[in-house]
Protein backbone atom coordinates (compact mmCIF):
# COMPACT_ATOMS: atom_id res chain seq x y z
CA UNK A 1 35.58 -125.40 -4.79
CA UNK A 2 38.72 -127.08 -5.81
CA UNK A 3 40.64 -125.52 -2.73
CA UNK A 4 38.09 -126.19 -0.09
CA UNK A 5 40.04 -128.93 1.87
CA UNK A 6 37.44 -128.79 4.64
CA UNK A 7 34.73 -129.68 2.19
CA UNK A 8 36.77 -132.59 0.58
CA UNK A 9 37.63 -133.80 4.07
CA UNK A 10 33.94 -133.82 5.36
CA UNK A 11 32.98 -135.58 2.04
CA UNK A 12 35.57 -138.56 2.74
CA UNK A 13 34.48 -138.78 6.23
CA UNK A 14 30.83 -138.34 5.70
CA UNK A 15 30.08 -142.28 5.89
CA UNK A 16 31.69 -142.36 9.11
CA UNK A 17 29.94 -139.15 10.55
CA UNK A 18 26.58 -140.82 9.48
CA UNK A 19 27.37 -143.97 11.04
CA UNK A 20 28.54 -142.17 14.59
CA UNK A 21 25.86 -142.89 17.09
CA UNK A 22 27.42 -140.07 19.29
CA UNK A 23 26.15 -137.41 16.99
CA UNK A 24 22.94 -135.92 16.80
CA UNK A 25 20.72 -136.03 13.79
CA UNK A 26 20.83 -132.37 13.58
CA UNK A 27 24.60 -132.15 13.22
CA UNK A 28 24.59 -134.95 10.66
CA UNK A 29 22.11 -133.17 8.62
CA UNK A 30 24.06 -129.85 9.06
CA UNK A 31 26.95 -131.63 7.65
CA UNK A 32 24.93 -132.80 4.71
CA UNK A 33 23.57 -129.52 3.87
CA UNK A 34 27.14 -128.15 4.23
CA UNK A 35 28.37 -130.73 1.70
CA UNK A 36 25.65 -129.35 -0.64
CA UNK A 37 26.67 -125.88 -0.43
CA UNK A 38 27.15 -123.92 -3.76
CA UNK A 39 26.10 -126.81 -5.79
CA UNK A 40 23.03 -127.64 -8.00
CA UNK A 41 21.47 -129.60 -4.87
CA UNK A 42 20.53 -126.28 -3.30
CA UNK A 43 19.34 -124.51 -6.40
CA UNK A 44 20.77 -121.22 -7.65
CA UNK A 45 20.26 -118.18 -9.75
CA UNK A 46 21.16 -117.22 -13.47
CA UNK A 47 22.63 -113.57 -14.05
CA UNK A 48 22.74 -112.14 -17.56
CA UNK A 49 24.55 -109.18 -19.02
CA UNK A 50 22.47 -106.11 -19.92
CA UNK A 51 24.06 -106.22 -23.59
CA UNK A 52 23.59 -109.68 -23.67
CA UNK A 53 27.26 -110.66 -23.93
CA UNK A 54 26.52 -113.95 -22.03
CA UNK A 55 25.19 -115.32 -18.77
CA UNK A 56 26.18 -116.70 -15.47
CA UNK A 57 24.97 -119.71 -13.19
CA UNK A 58 25.47 -119.07 -9.51
CA UNK A 59 24.73 -121.86 -6.93
CA UNK A 60 22.94 -121.02 -3.76
CA UNK A 61 24.90 -121.18 -0.46
CA UNK A 62 23.74 -123.23 2.55
CA UNK A 63 24.01 -120.49 5.11
CA UNK A 64 24.77 -122.88 7.93
CA UNK A 65 26.75 -121.65 10.88
CA UNK A 66 29.32 -124.79 10.63
CA UNK A 67 29.95 -123.81 7.01
CA UNK A 68 33.56 -122.87 6.42
CA UNK A 69 32.93 -120.96 3.32
CA UNK A 70 29.67 -119.40 2.47
CA UNK A 71 28.86 -117.07 5.62
CA UNK A 72 30.98 -114.26 4.70
CA UNK A 73 27.93 -112.60 2.97
CA UNK A 74 25.85 -113.33 6.06
CA UNK A 75 28.65 -111.67 8.23
CA UNK A 76 28.35 -108.54 6.26
CA UNK A 77 24.65 -108.44 6.34
CA UNK A 78 24.65 -108.53 10.13
CA UNK A 79 27.40 -105.92 10.68
CA UNK A 80 25.37 -103.66 8.22
CA UNK A 81 22.34 -104.28 10.22
CA UNK A 82 23.83 -103.81 13.48
CA UNK A 83 26.16 -100.83 12.87
CA UNK A 84 23.47 -98.00 12.58
CA UNK A 85 22.08 -98.96 15.97
CA UNK A 86 25.47 -98.27 17.97
CA UNK A 87 25.47 -94.99 19.69
CA UNK A 88 28.56 -92.76 18.84
CA UNK A 89 30.06 -93.01 22.35
CA UNK A 90 32.95 -94.94 23.98
CA UNK A 91 32.43 -98.67 24.12
CA UNK A 92 34.17 -101.30 26.20
CA UNK A 93 35.09 -104.97 24.98
CA UNK A 94 34.69 -107.44 27.67
CA UNK A 95 35.13 -111.32 27.55
CA UNK A 96 33.28 -113.52 30.16
CA UNK A 97 35.06 -116.93 30.51
CA UNK A 98 34.56 -120.54 31.60
CA UNK A 99 37.57 -121.87 33.32
CA UNK A 100 39.40 -124.48 31.20
CA UNK A 101 38.60 -127.28 33.76
CA UNK A 102 35.07 -127.08 32.85
CA UNK A 103 35.65 -127.64 29.15
CA UNK A 104 34.91 -131.26 29.27
CA UNK A 105 31.58 -130.65 31.27
CA UNK A 106 30.74 -127.99 28.64
CA UNK A 107 31.03 -130.67 25.90
CA UNK A 108 28.24 -132.76 27.51
CA UNK A 109 25.98 -129.72 28.59
CA UNK A 110 26.42 -127.21 25.95
CA UNK A 111 22.98 -125.59 25.73
CA UNK A 112 22.48 -125.64 29.61
CA UNK A 113 26.10 -124.22 30.39
CA UNK A 114 25.94 -121.52 27.44
CA UNK A 115 22.44 -120.53 28.89
CA UNK A 116 23.97 -120.19 32.38
CA UNK A 117 26.86 -118.13 31.08
CA UNK A 118 24.64 -115.85 29.20
CA UNK A 119 22.31 -115.35 32.02
CA UNK A 120 25.16 -114.86 34.55
CA UNK A 121 26.83 -112.39 32.46
CA UNK A 122 23.68 -110.46 31.91
CA UNK A 123 22.72 -110.51 35.62
CA UNK A 124 26.38 -109.09 36.69
CA UNK A 125 26.16 -106.43 34.11
CA UNK A 126 22.59 -105.44 35.48
CA UNK A 127 23.95 -105.41 39.12
CA UNK A 128 26.69 -103.17 38.44
CA UNK A 129 24.14 -100.90 36.45
CA UNK A 130 22.04 -100.77 39.34
CA UNK A 131 25.01 -99.53 41.57
CA UNK A 132 25.91 -97.01 38.81
CA UNK A 133 22.28 -96.01 38.41
CA UNK A 134 22.89 -95.79 34.89
CA UNK A 135 21.13 -97.81 31.78
CA UNK A 136 23.69 -99.16 29.43
CA UNK A 137 23.28 -100.89 26.08
CA UNK A 138 25.24 -104.20 25.22
CA UNK A 139 25.70 -106.86 22.68
CA UNK A 140 26.76 -110.26 23.66
CA UNK A 141 28.02 -112.97 21.30
CA UNK A 142 29.09 -116.57 22.15
CA UNK A 143 32.34 -118.14 20.94
CA UNK A 144 33.09 -121.61 21.86
CA UNK A 145 36.65 -122.00 20.44
CA UNK A 146 40.33 -121.34 20.55
CA UNK A 147 42.45 -120.66 17.32
CA UNK A 148 43.51 -124.39 17.44
CA UNK A 149 39.69 -125.37 17.43
CA UNK A 150 40.16 -126.33 21.17
CA UNK A 151 37.10 -126.10 23.65
CA UNK A 152 36.99 -122.54 24.83
CA UNK A 153 33.57 -121.25 25.67
CA UNK A 154 33.39 -117.47 26.13
CA UNK A 155 31.12 -114.60 25.59
CA UNK A 156 32.26 -111.17 24.08
CA UNK A 157 30.44 -108.29 25.22
CA UNK A 158 30.39 -104.92 23.61
CA UNK A 159 29.03 -102.45 26.11
CA UNK A 160 28.72 -98.68 26.44
CA UNK A 161 30.93 -96.83 28.55
CA UNK A 162 28.13 -94.84 30.14
CA UNK A 163 24.37 -94.85 29.95
CA UNK A 164 21.03 -92.92 30.58
CA UNK A 165 20.82 -91.67 33.97
CA UNK A 166 17.36 -91.29 35.88
CA UNK A 167 16.59 -88.20 33.95
CA UNK A 168 17.24 -90.04 30.46
CA UNK A 169 20.60 -87.88 29.87
CA UNK A 170 23.71 -89.58 28.57
CA UNK A 171 26.45 -89.93 31.20
CA UNK A 172 29.94 -91.21 30.49
CA UNK A 173 31.07 -93.46 33.23
CA UNK A 174 33.89 -96.02 33.51
CA UNK A 175 32.35 -99.50 34.03
CA UNK A 176 33.75 -101.04 37.17
CA UNK A 177 34.97 -104.57 35.88
CA UNK A 178 36.42 -105.52 39.29
CA UNK A 179 33.02 -105.33 40.81
CA UNK A 180 31.46 -107.10 37.91
CA UNK A 181 33.89 -110.03 38.01
CA UNK A 182 32.71 -110.75 41.58
CA UNK A 183 29.22 -110.69 40.57
CA UNK A 184 29.76 -112.94 37.57
CA UNK A 185 31.66 -115.43 39.74
CA UNK A 186 29.08 -115.66 42.33
CA UNK A 187 26.12 -115.76 40.02
CA UNK A 188 27.59 -118.52 37.77
CA UNK A 189 28.79 -120.66 40.58
CA UNK A 190 25.18 -120.75 42.00
CA UNK A 191 23.58 -121.34 38.82
CA UNK A 192 25.96 -124.22 38.02
CA UNK A 193 25.71 -125.78 41.62
CA UNK A 194 21.77 -125.50 41.44
CA UNK A 195 21.78 -127.34 37.96
CA UNK A 196 24.09 -130.05 39.45
CA UNK A 197 21.72 -130.26 42.54
CA UNK A 198 18.78 -130.78 40.32
CA UNK A 199 20.60 -133.26 38.26
CA UNK A 200 20.19 -130.97 35.13
CA UNK A 201 23.96 -130.89 34.64
CA UNK A 202 25.18 -134.15 33.21
CA UNK A 203 28.35 -135.47 34.55
CA UNK A 204 30.85 -136.48 32.01
CA UNK A 205 32.57 -139.77 31.91
CA UNK A 206 35.45 -139.98 34.54
CA UNK A 207 34.27 -136.74 36.48
CA UNK A 208 32.53 -137.39 39.71
CA UNK A 209 29.80 -135.06 41.52
CA UNK A 210 32.19 -134.22 44.33
CA UNK A 211 35.21 -133.52 42.02
CA UNK A 212 32.82 -131.08 39.81
CA UNK A 213 31.42 -129.29 42.90
CA UNK A 214 35.05 -128.62 44.07
CA UNK A 215 35.98 -127.20 40.42
CA UNK A 216 33.03 -125.01 40.43
CA UNK A 217 33.59 -123.58 43.86
CA UNK A 218 37.35 -123.13 43.59
CA UNK A 219 38.01 -122.07 40.01
CA UNK A 220 37.84 -118.37 39.10
CA UNK A 221 35.30 -117.21 36.44
CA UNK A 222 37.32 -114.45 34.81
CA UNK A 223 36.24 -111.24 32.91
CA UNK A 224 39.05 -110.12 30.53
CA UNK A 225 38.83 -106.26 29.80
CA UNK A 226 40.22 -105.75 26.22
CA UNK A 227 40.01 -101.69 26.59
CA UNK A 228 37.83 -98.89 25.86
CA UNK A 229 37.30 -97.69 22.20
CA UNK A 230 36.10 -94.26 20.94
CA UNK A 231 33.28 -96.21 19.03
CA UNK A 232 32.17 -99.82 19.00
CA UNK A 233 32.34 -100.30 15.11
CA UNK A 234 35.76 -102.04 15.16
CA UNK A 235 34.85 -104.71 17.89
CA UNK A 236 31.40 -104.93 16.34
CA UNK A 237 32.79 -106.04 12.95
CA UNK A 238 35.13 -108.56 14.80
CA UNK A 239 32.31 -109.99 16.33
CA UNK A 240 30.22 -110.16 13.35
CA UNK A 241 33.15 -112.20 11.72
CA UNK A 242 33.36 -114.78 14.58
CA UNK A 243 29.52 -114.91 14.85
CA UNK A 244 28.77 -115.81 11.12
CA UNK A 245 31.92 -117.19 9.51
CA UNK A 246 32.43 -119.55 12.39
CA UNK A 247 35.33 -121.54 14.07
CA UNK A 248 37.33 -122.06 10.83
CA UNK A 249 37.43 -120.81 7.43
CA UNK A 250 38.34 -123.09 4.73
CA UNK A 251 41.22 -121.10 3.56
CA UNK A 252 43.08 -121.98 7.04
CA UNK A 253 43.45 -125.71 6.31
CA UNK A 254 46.69 -126.16 4.29
CA UNK A 255 46.89 -129.84 4.01
CA UNK A 256 45.57 -133.16 5.08
CA UNK A 257 46.50 -136.83 4.31
CA UNK A 258 45.04 -140.30 5.58
CA UNK A 259 46.05 -139.57 9.12
CA UNK A 260 46.47 -135.77 9.72
CA UNK A 261 45.03 -132.19 9.19
CA UNK A 262 47.31 -129.14 9.19
CA UNK A 263 45.67 -125.79 9.52
CA UNK A 264 46.83 -122.26 10.71
CA UNK A 265 45.51 -119.68 12.84
CA UNK A 266 46.54 -115.96 14.04
CA UNK A 267 47.83 -115.53 17.63
CA UNK A 268 48.48 -111.86 17.74
CA UNK A 269 50.91 -110.99 15.30
CA UNK A 270 52.13 -114.71 14.74
CA UNK A 271 50.77 -117.35 12.50
CA UNK A 272 50.50 -120.62 14.63
CA UNK A 273 50.26 -124.07 12.56
CA UNK A 274 48.33 -126.99 14.12
CA UNK A 275 48.54 -130.72 13.09
CA UNK A 276 45.78 -132.80 14.34
CA UNK A 277 44.60 -136.38 13.69
CA UNK A 278 41.78 -136.55 10.95
CA UNK A 279 39.60 -137.96 13.72
CA UNK A 280 40.27 -135.19 16.26
CA UNK A 281 39.84 -132.48 13.56
CA UNK A 282 36.50 -133.78 12.74
CA UNK A 283 35.55 -134.06 16.38
CA UNK A 284 36.47 -130.78 17.21
CA UNK A 285 34.96 -129.15 14.00
CA UNK A 286 31.54 -130.47 14.68
CA UNK A 287 31.58 -129.86 18.36
CA UNK A 288 31.62 -126.05 17.46
CA UNK A 289 28.42 -126.24 15.24
CA UNK A 290 25.89 -124.56 17.53
CA UNK A 291 22.97 -126.53 18.95
CA UNK A 292 19.67 -126.51 17.31
CA UNK A 293 17.78 -123.15 18.18
CA UNK A 294 20.41 -121.76 20.40
CA UNK A 295 20.68 -118.13 20.21
CA UNK A 296 24.41 -117.16 19.52
CA UNK A 297 23.84 -113.35 19.94
CA UNK A 298 21.72 -111.17 22.54
CA UNK A 299 21.28 -107.48 22.75
CA UNK A 300 20.17 -106.01 26.01
CA UNK A 301 19.53 -102.75 27.71
CA UNK A 302 19.17 -99.62 25.18
CA UNK A 303 20.59 -101.94 22.54
CA UNK A 304 17.60 -104.59 22.99
CA UNK A 305 16.59 -105.89 19.56
CA UNK A 306 12.99 -105.82 20.40
CA UNK A 307 12.49 -102.40 18.77
CA UNK A 308 15.02 -101.17 16.31
CA UNK A 309 12.88 -98.02 15.63
CA UNK A 310 13.12 -96.96 19.20
CA UNK A 311 16.74 -97.47 19.39
CA UNK A 312 17.24 -95.03 16.47
CA UNK A 313 14.64 -92.64 17.76
CA UNK A 314 16.71 -92.48 21.01
CA UNK A 315 19.98 -92.15 19.26
CA UNK A 316 18.79 -89.21 17.46
CA UNK A 317 17.27 -87.64 20.52
CA UNK A 318 20.52 -88.10 22.37
CA UNK A 319 23.08 -87.17 19.65
CA UNK A 320 21.17 -85.59 16.78
CA UNK A 321 20.54 -86.93 13.18
CA UNK A 322 23.64 -88.98 12.15
CA UNK A 323 23.62 -89.43 8.34
CA UNK A 324 25.15 -92.96 7.64
CA UNK A 325 25.47 -94.12 4.01
CA UNK A 326 23.71 -97.40 3.64
CA UNK A 327 25.99 -100.33 2.74
CA UNK A 328 25.20 -102.51 -0.39
CA UNK A 329 26.40 -105.78 0.86
CA UNK A 330 24.78 -107.63 -2.03
CA UNK A 331 27.13 -109.98 -4.18
CA UNK A 332 27.84 -108.08 -7.45
CA UNK A 333 28.99 -109.67 -10.66
CA UNK A 334 30.23 -107.92 -13.50
CA UNK A 335 30.38 -108.75 -17.46
CA UNK A 336 34.07 -109.76 -18.27
CA UNK A 337 33.39 -107.97 -21.79
CA UNK A 338 31.73 -104.56 -21.06
CA UNK A 339 32.07 -104.38 -17.28
CA UNK A 340 28.45 -103.77 -16.61
CA UNK A 341 26.91 -105.31 -13.62
CA UNK A 342 25.01 -108.51 -14.26
CA UNK A 343 21.39 -108.69 -13.05
CA UNK A 344 19.30 -111.71 -11.95
CA UNK A 345 16.78 -113.00 -14.36
CA UNK A 346 15.95 -116.35 -13.43
CA UNK A 347 15.97 -118.25 -9.95
CA UNK A 348 16.03 -122.11 -10.14
CA UNK A 349 14.97 -124.57 -7.53
CA UNK A 350 17.24 -127.76 -6.90
CA UNK A 351 15.00 -129.69 -9.16
CA UNK A 352 14.77 -127.13 -12.13
CA UNK A 353 18.62 -126.74 -11.98
CA UNK A 354 18.95 -130.56 -12.29
CA UNK A 355 16.67 -130.77 -15.33
CA UNK A 356 18.58 -127.63 -16.85
CA UNK A 357 21.91 -129.12 -16.26
CA UNK A 358 21.38 -132.85 -17.31
CA UNK A 359 18.86 -132.34 -20.01
């Protein structure tokens, strides 16, 4: 990984990361495993040409959500698994937001605030569903970053623009986002204030209880509506990329030196360049690694992940049998001499790889 500047930077900073008492053991272990990504330390596989022209060693990926390089395969797998479950109907793309004034508070209460956001978003959707008397389906994915790695916690929701009526017939119906915004703001304010009263919400340095109460009571918790789409596959692909690949791809980092790190990100049609101090870059990068055990995606309503067979059965009943070509998302390697696909013949553990390599 000669061009992976994120990997090189983390390797250089690892002693300081390890000594940082403000970082959890979980984050430190995540970084250590990320540094071992695609090296002999994680084991690997050997592929051979069917015509015996040669062999290829391939190291295993770490599959950590904070890794900047290896999650593209996981992204393709997740998308291929979710895509057949989408109904062939119109979908809306919504973003449930947290005010920027609460970003600092979020840093000290990530699991709690993220759970509150998920619960408030789902409660707001269910209340509007109750008014509309329709059972919709939606998939929610948490993002915690802006393009410049700033702290911007928000939930993307892909939701059907219609649902099942009381007779189990499909009805197209525009979602009332205006009503949902009102419900979302009321619900999340109530949950945050309750958590603060019960001292479950940790006060960040420099922010008093009265100041935090004022922010919660006066700031608007917005829902951004991106539009209605003929089907949800395009949005689902976008969500899969952000869910698995993470806050930053290693290709975005263009340079770093002893003091600063430079990286690019897309803002609409434009490419923006950001320069941060090494310390600030590392701090932001590590703060976007999800907490241990926290679910970043939730499927609800008719898209509930509990029984995929029932989703497919309902889809066929409502819209008929829809033939979809299964996607082969496995990595493929071909022989440079004959062009035939290489096949796996041996899998090595880290210990076996070390013996093979060094002896």
